[in-house]
Protein backbone atom coordinates (compact mmCIF):
# COMPACT_ATOMS: atom_id res chain seq x y z
CA UNK A 1 42.15 23.96 -45.42
CA UNK A 2 38.65 24.30 -43.99
CA UNK A 3 37.04 27.58 -43.85
CA UNK A 4 36.35 29.21 -40.45
CA UNK A 5 32.58 29.14 -40.86
CA UNK A 6 32.79 25.71 -42.32
CA UNK A 7 34.40 24.69 -39.26
CA UNK A 8 32.04 26.38 -36.88
CA UNK A 9 29.17 24.46 -38.60
CA UNK A 10 30.84 21.19 -38.57
CA UNK A 11 31.43 21.84 -34.76
CA UNK A 12 27.85 22.71 -34.04
CA UNK A 13 26.53 19.69 -35.97
CA UNK A 14 29.06 17.31 -33.76
CA UNK A 15 27.58 18.97 -30.51
CA UNK A 16 23.94 18.28 -31.74
CA UNK A 17 25.15 14.91 -32.82
CA UNK A 18 26.74 13.67 -29.89
CA UNK A 19 25.32 10.76 -28.29
CA UNK A 20 25.22 8.29 -25.42
CA UNK A 21 26.69 4.79 -25.05
CA UNK A 22 26.18 2.18 -22.39
CA UNK A 23 27.81 2.51 -19.45
CA UNK A 24 28.79 0.07 -16.48
CA UNK A 25 28.24 2.33 -13.84
CA UNK A 26 24.97 2.15 -11.78
CA UNK A 27 23.10 5.19 -10.49
CA UNK A 28 21.93 5.32 -6.77
CA UNK A 29 18.57 3.51 -6.30
CA UNK A 30 15.60 5.54 -6.89
CA UNK A 31 14.13 7.53 -3.94
CA UNK A 32 10.72 5.76 -2.69
CA UNK A 33 8.23 7.82 -0.82
CA UNK A 34 4.26 8.07 -0.89
CA UNK A 35 3.81 11.67 -0.93
CA UNK A 36 -0.28 12.28 -1.05
CA UNK A 37 -2.82 15.06 -0.34
CA UNK A 38 -6.49 14.34 0.08
CA UNK A 39 -9.04 16.02 -2.05
CA UNK A 40 -12.05 16.05 -0.19
CA UNK A 41 -15.64 16.93 -2.00
CA UNK A 42 -17.85 16.87 0.84
CA UNK A 43 -18.85 20.38 2.26
CA UNK A 44 -16.65 21.72 -0.78
CA UNK A 45 -13.68 21.24 1.30
CA UNK A 46 -10.96 21.08 -1.09
CA UNK A 47 -12.64 20.67 -4.64
CA UNK A 48 -15.06 22.26 -6.16
CA UNK A 49 -14.59 25.30 -4.36
CA UNK A 50 -18.16 25.33 -4.31
CA UNK A 51 -21.31 23.68 -5.52
CA UNK A 52 -23.00 24.66 -8.96
CA UNK A 53 -19.59 26.03 -10.82
CA UNK A 54 -19.55 25.16 -14.53
CA UNK A 55 -17.65 22.13 -15.88
CA UNK A 56 -15.02 24.18 -16.96
CA UNK A 57 -14.64 25.92 -13.88
CA UNK A 58 -14.31 22.63 -11.97
CA UNK A 59 -11.91 21.30 -14.63
CA UNK A 60 -10.00 24.42 -14.11
CA UNK A 61 -9.73 23.94 -10.49
CA UNK A 62 -8.66 20.38 -10.53
CA UNK A 63 -6.23 21.12 -13.03
CA UNK A 64 -4.63 23.94 -10.53
CA UNK A 65 -4.47 21.16 -7.65
CA UNK A 66 -2.62 19.05 -9.84
CA UNK A 67 -0.37 21.45 -11.06
CA UNK A 68 0.84 22.55 -7.47
CA UNK A 69 1.12 19.14 -6.49
CA UNK A 70 3.00 18.30 -9.65
CA UNK A 71 5.51 21.47 -9.10
CA UNK A 72 5.87 20.08 -5.52
CA UNK A 73 7.09 16.84 -6.63
CA UNK A 74 4.07 14.73 -5.18
CA UNK A 75 2.74 11.42 -6.64
CA UNK A 76 -0.47 10.67 -5.23
CA UNK A 77 -3.87 12.27 -4.60
CA UNK A 78 -6.72 10.58 -2.52
CA UNK A 79 -9.89 11.99 -4.33
CA UNK A 80 -13.03 11.50 -2.60
CA UNK A 81 -15.55 9.79 -4.98
CA UNK A 82 -18.33 8.86 -2.65
CA UNK A 83 -18.95 11.00 0.53
CA UNK A 84 -22.35 9.88 1.45
CA UNK A 85 -23.83 7.02 -0.83
CA UNK A 86 -23.57 9.35 -3.82
CA UNK A 87 -21.21 9.40 -6.64
CA UNK A 88 -18.39 12.26 -7.82
CA UNK A 89 -18.26 9.91 -10.91
CA UNK A 90 -20.99 8.27 -13.52
CA UNK A 91 -22.76 5.57 -11.42
CA UNK A 92 -25.50 3.33 -12.35
CA UNK A 93 -25.93 2.78 -8.61
CA UNK A 94 -25.78 6.07 -6.84
CA UNK A 95 -26.62 9.62 -7.48
CA UNK A 96 -24.51 12.43 -8.64
CA UNK A 97 -23.06 14.23 -5.35
CA UNK A 98 -24.54 17.49 -4.53
CA UNK A 99 -21.15 18.61 -3.77
CA UNK A 100 -20.99 19.02 -7.78
CA UNK A 101 -23.87 20.97 -8.80
CA UNK A 102 -25.64 21.58 -5.50
CA UNK A 103 -28.47 18.79 -6.23
CA UNK A 104 -28.10 15.32 -5.70
CA UNK A 105 -28.84 13.56 -8.97
CA UNK A 106 -27.76 16.21 -11.06
CA UNK A 107 -25.05 15.69 -13.89
CA UNK A 108 -22.28 18.14 -13.84
CA UNK A 109 -21.80 17.69 -17.40
CA UNK A 110 -18.91 15.35 -17.48
CA UNK A 111 -17.19 12.75 -15.61
CA UNK A 112 -15.15 14.12 -12.41
CA UNK A 113 -13.37 10.89 -11.51
CA UNK A 114 -12.39 10.13 -15.18
CA UNK A 115 -11.00 13.86 -15.81
CA UNK A 116 -8.94 13.57 -12.38
CA UNK A 117 -7.60 10.12 -13.36
CA UNK A 118 -6.38 11.49 -17.21
CA UNK A 119 -5.01 14.80 -15.68
CA UNK A 120 -3.30 13.20 -12.60
CA UNK A 121 -1.63 10.41 -14.70
CA UNK A 122 -0.53 13.00 -17.35
CA UNK A 123 1.40 14.55 -14.32
CA UNK A 124 3.03 11.22 -12.87
CA UNK A 125 0.46 11.38 -10.15
CA UNK A 126 -1.55 8.46 -8.76
CA UNK A 127 -5.55 8.59 -8.08
CA UNK A 128 -6.69 6.67 -5.18
CA UNK A 129 -10.53 6.68 -5.05
CA UNK A 130 -11.44 7.48 -1.55
CA UNK A 131 -14.86 5.87 -0.25
CA UNK A 132 -17.08 6.27 2.91
CA UNK A 133 -18.30 2.76 2.89
CA UNK A 134 -21.43 3.52 5.38
CA UNK A 135 -22.38 7.25 5.71
CA UNK A 136 -25.50 7.88 4.00
CA UNK A 137 -26.27 11.43 4.72
CA UNK A 138 -24.02 13.87 6.62
CA UNK A 139 -27.14 16.23 7.23
CA UNK A 140 -30.63 14.90 7.41
CA UNK A 141 -32.12 18.11 6.12
CA UNK A 142 -30.74 18.13 2.44
CA UNK A 143 -32.44 17.01 -0.36
CA UNK A 144 -31.94 13.41 -1.71
CA UNK A 145 -32.34 12.11 -5.23
CA UNK A 146 -35.01 9.45 -5.73
CA UNK A 147 -32.23 6.75 -6.39
CA UNK A 148 -30.38 7.59 -3.08
CA UNK A 149 -30.52 4.85 -0.62
CA UNK A 150 -32.56 6.46 1.84
CA UNK A 151 -35.44 6.28 -0.60
CA UNK A 152 -34.57 3.13 -2.74
CA UNK A 153 -33.28 0.96 0.54
CA UNK A 154 -34.61 2.78 3.74
CA UNK A 155 -34.82 -0.47 5.42
CA UNK A 156 -30.82 -0.52 5.87
CA UNK A 157 -30.83 3.14 6.94
CA UNK A 158 -30.70 4.71 10.70
CA UNK A 159 -30.92 8.22 11.73
CA UNK A 160 -28.09 9.03 14.28
CA UNK A 161 -28.38 12.62 15.13
CA UNK A 162 -28.51 14.86 12.37
CA UNK A 163 -26.86 12.10 10.12
CA UNK A 164 -28.22 9.02 8.50
CA UNK A 165 -26.06 5.67 8.22
CA UNK A 166 -26.29 2.44 6.57
CA UNK A 167 -26.36 -0.12 9.09
CA UNK A 168 -23.12 -2.30 9.04
CA UNK A 169 -24.80 -5.14 10.80
CA UNK A 170 -26.90 -5.51 7.56
CA UNK A 171 -25.43 -7.71 4.66
CA UNK A 172 -27.41 -5.70 2.43
CA UNK A 173 -25.11 -2.35 3.64
CA UNK A 174 -21.76 -4.22 3.13
CA UNK A 175 -22.62 -5.61 -0.14
CA UNK A 176 -23.73 -2.77 -1.40
CA UNK A 177 -20.73 -0.64 -0.45
CA UNK A 178 -18.57 -3.36 -1.89
CA UNK A 179 -20.51 -3.64 -5.27
CA UNK A 180 -20.05 0.33 -5.47
CA UNK A 181 -16.25 0.10 -4.96
CA UNK A 182 -15.73 -2.71 -7.11
CA UNK A 183 -17.82 -1.26 -10.05
CA UNK A 184 -15.42 1.76 -9.61
CA UNK A 185 -12.58 -0.52 -9.62
CA UNK A 186 -13.47 -2.42 -12.92
CA UNK A 187 -14.65 0.70 -14.85
CA UNK A 188 -11.75 3.62 -13.85
CA UNK A 189 -8.01 3.17 -14.13
CA UNK A 190 -7.57 3.98 -10.53
CA UNK A 191 -4.36 3.32 -8.53
CA UNK A 192 -6.00 2.43 -5.14
CA UNK A 193 -8.83 2.60 -2.97
CA UNK A 194 -9.14 4.18 0.13
CA UNK A 195 -11.45 4.35 3.00
CA UNK A 196 -11.45 6.82 5.82
CA UNK A 197 -12.09 6.53 9.70
CA UNK A 198 -15.99 6.54 9.47
CA UNK A 199 -17.01 2.73 9.78
CA UNK A 200 -19.54 3.66 12.63
CA UNK A 201 -20.07 7.12 13.57
CA UNK A 202 -18.25 9.17 16.13
CA UNK A 203 -20.21 9.20 19.39
CA UNK A 204 -22.19 12.47 20.08
CA UNK A 205 -22.48 13.12 23.82
CA UNK A 206 -24.77 10.26 25.70
CA UNK A 207 -26.18 9.44 21.66
CA UNK A 208 -25.14 5.61 20.55
CA UNK A 209 -25.79 4.13 17.31
CA UNK A 210 -29.35 2.46 17.71
CA UNK A 211 -28.81 -1.00 16.73
CA UNK A 212 -28.39 -3.28 19.98
CA UNK A 213 -25.25 -4.35 18.85
CA UNK A 214 -21.98 -4.92 21.10
CA UNK A 215 -18.95 -3.41 20.31
CA UNK A 216 -17.60 -6.90 19.55
CA UNK A 217 -20.52 -7.63 17.15
CA UNK A 218 -19.95 -4.27 15.50
CA UNK A 219 -16.37 -4.97 14.96
CA UNK A 220 -16.93 -8.50 13.34
CA UNK A 221 -19.06 -6.78 10.55
CA UNK A 222 -16.48 -4.22 9.88
CA UNK A 223 -13.48 -6.83 9.91
CA UNK A 224 -15.64 -8.94 7.70
CA UNK A 225 -15.90 -6.29 5.27
CA UNK A 226 -12.40 -5.06 5.36
CA UNK A 227 -11.40 -8.56 4.34
CA UNK A 228 -13.57 -9.02 1.99
CA UNK A 229 -12.82 -5.84 0.04
CA UNK A 230 -8.98 -6.47 0.23
CA UNK A 231 -9.67 -10.07 -1.40
CA UNK A 232 -12.22 -8.77 -3.92
CA UNK A 233 -10.26 -5.93 -5.25
CA UNK A 234 -7.22 -8.06 -5.51
CA UNK A 235 -8.96 -10.51 -7.45
CA UNK A 236 -10.28 -7.63 -10.09
CA UNK A 237 -7.21 -5.73 -10.31
CA UNK A 238 -4.10 -7.05 -8.25
CA UNK A 239 -2.17 -3.70 -8.85
CA UNK A 240 -4.99 -1.48 -7.10
CA UNK A 241 -3.63 -0.85 -3.41
CA UNK A 242 -6.08 -0.74 -0.75
CA UNK A 243 -5.44 1.71 1.94
CA UNK A 244 -7.47 2.74 4.99
CA UNK A 245 -7.38 6.11 7.12
CA UNK A 246 -8.46 5.32 10.63
CA UNK A 247 -8.61 7.52 13.64
CA UNK A 248 -4.83 7.96 14.79
CA UNK A 249 -5.12 6.14 18.12
CA UNK A 250 -5.88 2.46 18.31
CA UNK A 251 -7.04 2.74 21.82
CA UNK A 252 -6.44 4.97 24.89
CA UNK A 253 -3.43 4.02 26.59
CA UNK A 254 -1.85 2.26 23.75
CA UNK A 255 1.16 3.00 23.54
CA UNK A 256 1.40 3.82 27.14
CA UNK A 257 0.78 7.59 28.21
CA UNK A 258 -1.19 8.04 25.27
CA UNK A 259 -5.03 9.43 25.69
CA UNK A 260 -7.74 9.95 23.52
CA UNK A 261 -11.23 11.24 23.81
CA UNK A 262 -12.87 8.24 22.22
CA UNK A 263 -11.86 4.85 22.02
CA UNK A 264 -11.72 3.90 18.34
CA UNK A 265 -11.69 0.25 18.89
CA UNK A 266 -14.85 0.10 21.18
CA UNK A 267 -16.93 2.97 19.74
CA UNK A 268 -16.09 2.94 15.98
CA UNK A 269 -15.47 -0.61 15.39
CA UNK A 270 -12.24 0.15 14.04
CA UNK A 271 -9.92 -2.89 14.83
CA UNK A 272 -7.13 -1.14 12.51
CA UNK A 273 -4.18 -2.97 14.28
CA UNK A 274 -5.80 -6.13 13.13
CA UNK A 275 -6.10 -5.33 9.55
CA UNK A 276 -2.69 -4.21 9.68
CA UNK A 277 -1.24 -7.06 11.23
CA UNK A 278 -3.36 -9.62 9.16
CA UNK A 279 -2.46 -7.64 5.50
CA UNK A 280 -6.09 -6.97 4.95
CA UNK A 281 -4.60 -3.66 3.05
CA UNK A 282 -1.59 -2.30 1.36
CA UNK A 283 -0.99 0.84 3.56
CA UNK A 284 -2.35 2.00 6.61
CA UNK A 285 -2.92 5.85 7.05
CA UNK A 286 -3.82 6.59 10.60
CA UNK A 287 -4.58 10.19 11.15
CA UNK A 288 -1.80 11.59 13.04
CA UNK A 289 -3.03 15.05 13.47
CA UNK A 290 -1.25 16.08 16.72
CA UNK A 291 2.26 17.60 17.17
CA UNK A 292 5.48 15.99 18.10
CA UNK A 293 5.81 17.10 21.46
CA UNK A 294 5.63 15.18 24.96
CA UNK A 295 2.35 15.13 25.34
CA UNK A 296 -0.89 12.95 25.27
CA UNK A 297 -0.96 12.57 21.44
CA UNK A 298 2.71 12.74 20.31
CA UNK A 299 3.29 12.11 16.56
CA UNK A 300 6.51 10.44 16.93
CA UNK A 301 5.26 8.30 19.56
CA UNK A 302 2.23 7.10 17.75
CA UNK A 303 3.95 6.66 14.39
CA UNK A 304 6.72 4.44 16.11
CA UNK A 305 3.97 2.37 17.57
CA UNK A 306 2.25 1.91 14.42
CA UNK A 307 4.97 0.79 12.23
CA UNK A 308 5.75 -2.06 14.78
CA UNK A 309 2.26 -3.53 14.53
CA UNK A 310 2.68 -5.15 10.96
CA UNK A 311 4.68 -5.67 7.85
CA UNK A 312 2.72 -3.11 5.47
CA UNK A 313 3.42 0.38 5.22
CA UNK A 314 2.35 2.83 7.59
CA UNK A 315 1.92 6.33 5.87
CA UNK A 316 0.47 8.99 8.53
CA UNK A 317 -2.15 11.49 7.79
CA UNK A 318 -0.48 14.90 8.71
CA UNK A 319 -2.45 17.89 9.83
CA UNK A 320 -1.35 20.51 7.21
CA UNK A 321 -4.62 22.50 7.18
CA UNK A 322 -3.55 23.35 11.15
CA UNK A 323 -0.84 25.33 10.18
CA UNK A 324 -1.61 28.68 11.78
CA UNK A 325 -4.95 27.51 12.88
CA UNK A 326 -7.11 28.10 15.81
CA UNK A 327 -6.66 24.64 17.05
CA UNK A 328 -2.90 24.73 17.81
CA UNK A 329 -1.67 27.63 15.61
CA UNK A 330 1.17 24.86 14.73
CA UNK A 331 4.09 26.42 11.89
CA UNK A 332 4.86 25.07 8.76
CA UNK A 333 7.99 23.86 10.32
CA UNK A 334 5.94 21.15 12.24
CA UNK A 335 4.72 19.78 9.14
CA UNK A 336 8.15 19.45 7.69
CA UNK A 337 9.38 18.01 10.91
CA UNK A 338 6.96 15.23 10.75
CA UNK A 339 7.91 14.49 7.48
CA UNK A 340 11.36 14.06 8.72
CA UNK A 341 10.47 11.77 11.59
CA UNK A 342 8.34 9.71 9.09
CA UNK A 343 11.51 9.11 6.82
CA UNK A 344 13.52 8.08 9.81
CA UNK A 345 10.88 5.89 11.96
CA UNK A 346 10.97 2.16 11.63
CA UNK A 347 11.64 0.15 8.44
CA UNK A 348 8.58 0.37 6.62
CA UNK A 349 8.52 2.04 3.05
CA UNK A 350 8.53 5.85 3.65
CA UNK A 351 5.30 7.88 2.90
CA UNK A 352 2.65 10.35 4.39
CA UNK A 353 -0.38 12.04 3.26
CA UNK A 354 -1.48 15.82 3.64
CA UNK A 355 -4.78 16.82 5.30
CA UNK A 356 -5.77 18.40 2.99
CA UNK A 357 -4.76 19.52 -0.69
CA UNK A 358 -6.31 22.83 0.00
CA UNK A 359 -3.36 24.04 2.42
CA UNK A 360 -0.80 23.19 -0.18
CA UNK A 361 -2.57 25.13 -3.20
CA UNK A 362 -2.64 28.02 -1.04
CA UNK A 363 0.60 27.91 0.80
CA UNK A 364 -0.93 28.11 4.22
CA UNK A 365 1.75 29.68 6.45
CA UNK A 366 4.43 29.09 3.62
CA UNK A 367 4.23 25.20 3.87
CA UNK A 368 4.61 24.79 0.00
CA UNK A 369 7.62 26.98 0.04
CA UNK A 370 9.23 24.95 2.81
CA UNK A 371 8.08 21.58 0.92
CA UNK A 372 10.48 22.54 -2.08
CA UNK A 373 13.14 21.77 0.33
CA UNK A 374 11.84 18.76 1.72
CA UNK A 375 10.90 17.31 -1.72
CA UNK A 376 14.20 17.92 -3.27
CA UNK A 377 13.62 15.14 -6.11
CA UNK A 378 11.01 13.30 -7.67
CA UNK A 379 10.09 9.95 -5.68
CA UNK A 380 8.88 6.76 -7.09
CA UNK A 381 5.67 5.11 -5.35
CA UNK A 382 6.94 2.36 -2.98
CA UNK A 383 6.43 -1.40 -4.33
CA UNK A 384 4.17 -3.84 -3.06
CA UNK A 385 6.32 -7.05 -2.99
CA UNK A 386 3.77 -8.93 -0.80
CA UNK A 387 1.57 -9.03 -4.01
CA UNK A 388 4.10 -9.03 -6.92
CA UNK A 389 7.73 -8.51 -7.28
CA UNK A 390 8.56 -9.13 -10.69
CA UNK A 391 10.70 -6.43 -12.42
CA UNK A 392 9.34 -5.39 -15.77
CA UNK A 393 11.73 -5.29 -18.62
CA UNK A 394 14.30 -2.40 -19.04
CA UNK A 395 13.07 0.38 -21.52
CA UNK A 396 14.83 0.83 -24.69
CA UNK A 397 16.84 4.29 -24.34
CA UNK A 398 18.82 6.55 -26.94
CA UNK A 399 20.01 10.13 -26.26
CA UNK A 400 21.88 12.96 -27.77
CA UNK A 401 22.84 16.39 -26.97
CA UNK A 402 20.43 19.13 -28.24
CA UNK A 403 20.75 22.83 -27.76
CA UNK A 404 22.73 22.04 -24.77
CA UNK A 405 20.34 20.03 -23.02
CA UNK A 406 20.08 16.08 -22.97
CA UNK A 407 17.19 14.82 -25.40
CA UNK A 408 16.32 10.95 -24.47
CA UNK A 409 14.10 8.99 -26.45
CA UNK A 410 12.35 5.77 -24.69
CA UNK A 411 10.55 2.88 -26.05
CA UNK A 412 8.97 1.58 -22.72
CA UNK A 413 8.30 -2.29 -22.97
CA UNK A 414 4.75 -3.53 -22.08
CA UNK A 415 3.57 -3.43 -18.61
CA UNK A 416 5.52 -0.09 -18.01
CA UNK A 417 3.36 2.46 -15.86
CA UNK A 418 6.10 5.12 -15.62
CA UNK A 419 9.54 6.08 -16.47
CA UNK A 420 12.06 7.32 -14.04
CA UNK A 421 15.09 9.34 -15.46
CA UNK A 422 17.98 9.78 -13.16
CA UNK A 423 21.22 12.18 -14.49
CA UNK A 424 24.68 12.54 -13.53
CA UNK A 425 25.61 16.23 -13.50
CA UNK A 426 28.92 17.68 -12.21
CA UNK A 427 29.69 14.32 -10.73
CA UNK A 428 26.25 14.06 -8.89
CA UNK A 429 23.47 11.92 -9.71
CA UNK A 430 19.91 13.07 -9.42
CA UNK A 431 16.26 11.97 -10.30
CA UNK A 432 15.26 14.32 -12.66
CA UNK A 433 11.84 13.21 -13.83
CA UNK A 434 9.10 10.40 -13.00
CA UNK A 435 6.86 10.36 -16.51
CA UNK A 436 3.94 8.60 -17.48
CA UNK A 437 5.06 5.01 -19.24
CA UNK A 438 3.80 6.18 -22.60
CA UNK A 439 6.07 8.79 -22.65
CA UNK A 440 8.48 8.74 -25.73
CA UNK A 441 10.93 11.76 -25.61
CA UNK A 442 12.08 13.79 -22.25
CA UNK A 443 14.50 16.64 -22.36
CA UNK A 444 16.68 17.52 -19.43
CA UNK A 445 19.55 19.69 -19.01
CA UNK A 446 23.05 18.55 -20.16
CA UNK A 447 24.10 15.62 -18.13
CA UNK A 448 27.38 13.54 -18.11
CA UNK A 449 25.31 10.19 -18.01
CA UNK A 450 21.54 9.13 -17.51
CA UNK A 451 19.66 6.19 -16.34
CA UNK A 452 16.63 5.15 -17.46
CA UNK A 453 13.96 2.73 -15.24
CA UNK A 454 10.96 1.32 -16.08
CA UNK A 455 8.38 0.83 -13.12
CA UNK A 456 5.23 -1.04 -13.27
CA UNK A 457 1.74 -0.67 -11.87
CA UNK A 458 2.89 -2.70 -8.58
CA UNK A 459 5.99 -0.32 -8.14
CA UNK A 460 8.63 -2.89 -9.30
CA UNK A 461 11.72 -1.44 -11.10
CA UNK A 462 13.60 -2.69 -14.31
CA UNK A 463 17.23 -2.58 -14.22
CA UNK A 464 18.46 0.83 -15.13
CA UNK A 465 19.16 1.08 -18.49
CA UNK A 466 22.39 3.57 -18.17
CA UNK A 467 24.33 5.69 -20.83
CA UNK A 468 27.45 7.79 -20.59
CA UNK A 469 28.45 10.36 -22.76
CA UNK A 470 31.41 9.44 -24.92
């Protein structure tokens, strides 16, 4: 006869030892969506909150941003590393950014890009390094370092109003920008290279960029740079995504009824439709900062047009920072509405990018609260089958019930960048977590079955390893 106390001990031991066995059932495919946010350093828009903060304070602010994005189940940041021919990282080519210390050329005492990568990757968040290729100074009155391009190579610079620009017509300008970007690709474990809309400066009244070049000549310089950048990055690290975020309207009147105060194609030398059609990028993020309503710049009309222009993903930039603002006083529901439109429009992979991280961190107009109902499960970054579509090996997986939860142990194979865990609880499959590839132990609530999938740097997914409760 088993004594009652011994029986309780045996039952408890059995509950802890209960294990999972292979299951023929397959979970639904992982949700795929690029959920990004820009982190702007120029003018201290997003980070750091002001120049001259201590290294510890800057790092604490960075962790706070990443914690918030991770809690929202977002999976990428677009981190500005070259605002104006300066560096938010350790560079032998260009000076430290004044956004960090208040003085161009002065070290902040650590490497912000390296820190951002380490902290983001530990949270399962990608880092796309954001470069401005040709802007030299956003304001000519600021102090500049000795090794800034305005001093080291003044012959390639041109003043334009209150700014200075590196002349894109100069081969030295283009090679300098390319060398800077490839230096970062080589030395840092970034997931993407990102360019914004500033190729040539926006016109200012009657002021035009003083280079004597025609719009067609300018476009040829920019087209050549974009094409060369894409092929060069792919040769160095083929998994690093190349993304560009142009002005949201290719040309006024395209599509019909759309109006714009500038012609990006003519005035900024931004033939972004060509880049998309020719596959010179892995994603395009047009800045669709307008509301979705019957108007001359309609979010849905523009997104639908963009997604018909090529086969690569179009992940719109969304103006989250305009919630409750003086410009159009949009409600937070406009942002979640636009995300819903993005998920339903066209056949390209889902995705969008918030301008900018600050609005999410401060829950502007309640947007972060609303996003909890929009980002209901973690999502994997979409793949890049045009670069690589070889699935990684499935991970080794074992699991057991521990204290009412499910303890999962993983043995990721080589090439695994992330581990995705799905669980069947109460008859319904859900994605529970997408963790860094080196993760060996994950605990989730008690599940009826689990599925663990390996993801590589290209976003390719292995066959899921499915275990069911015996």
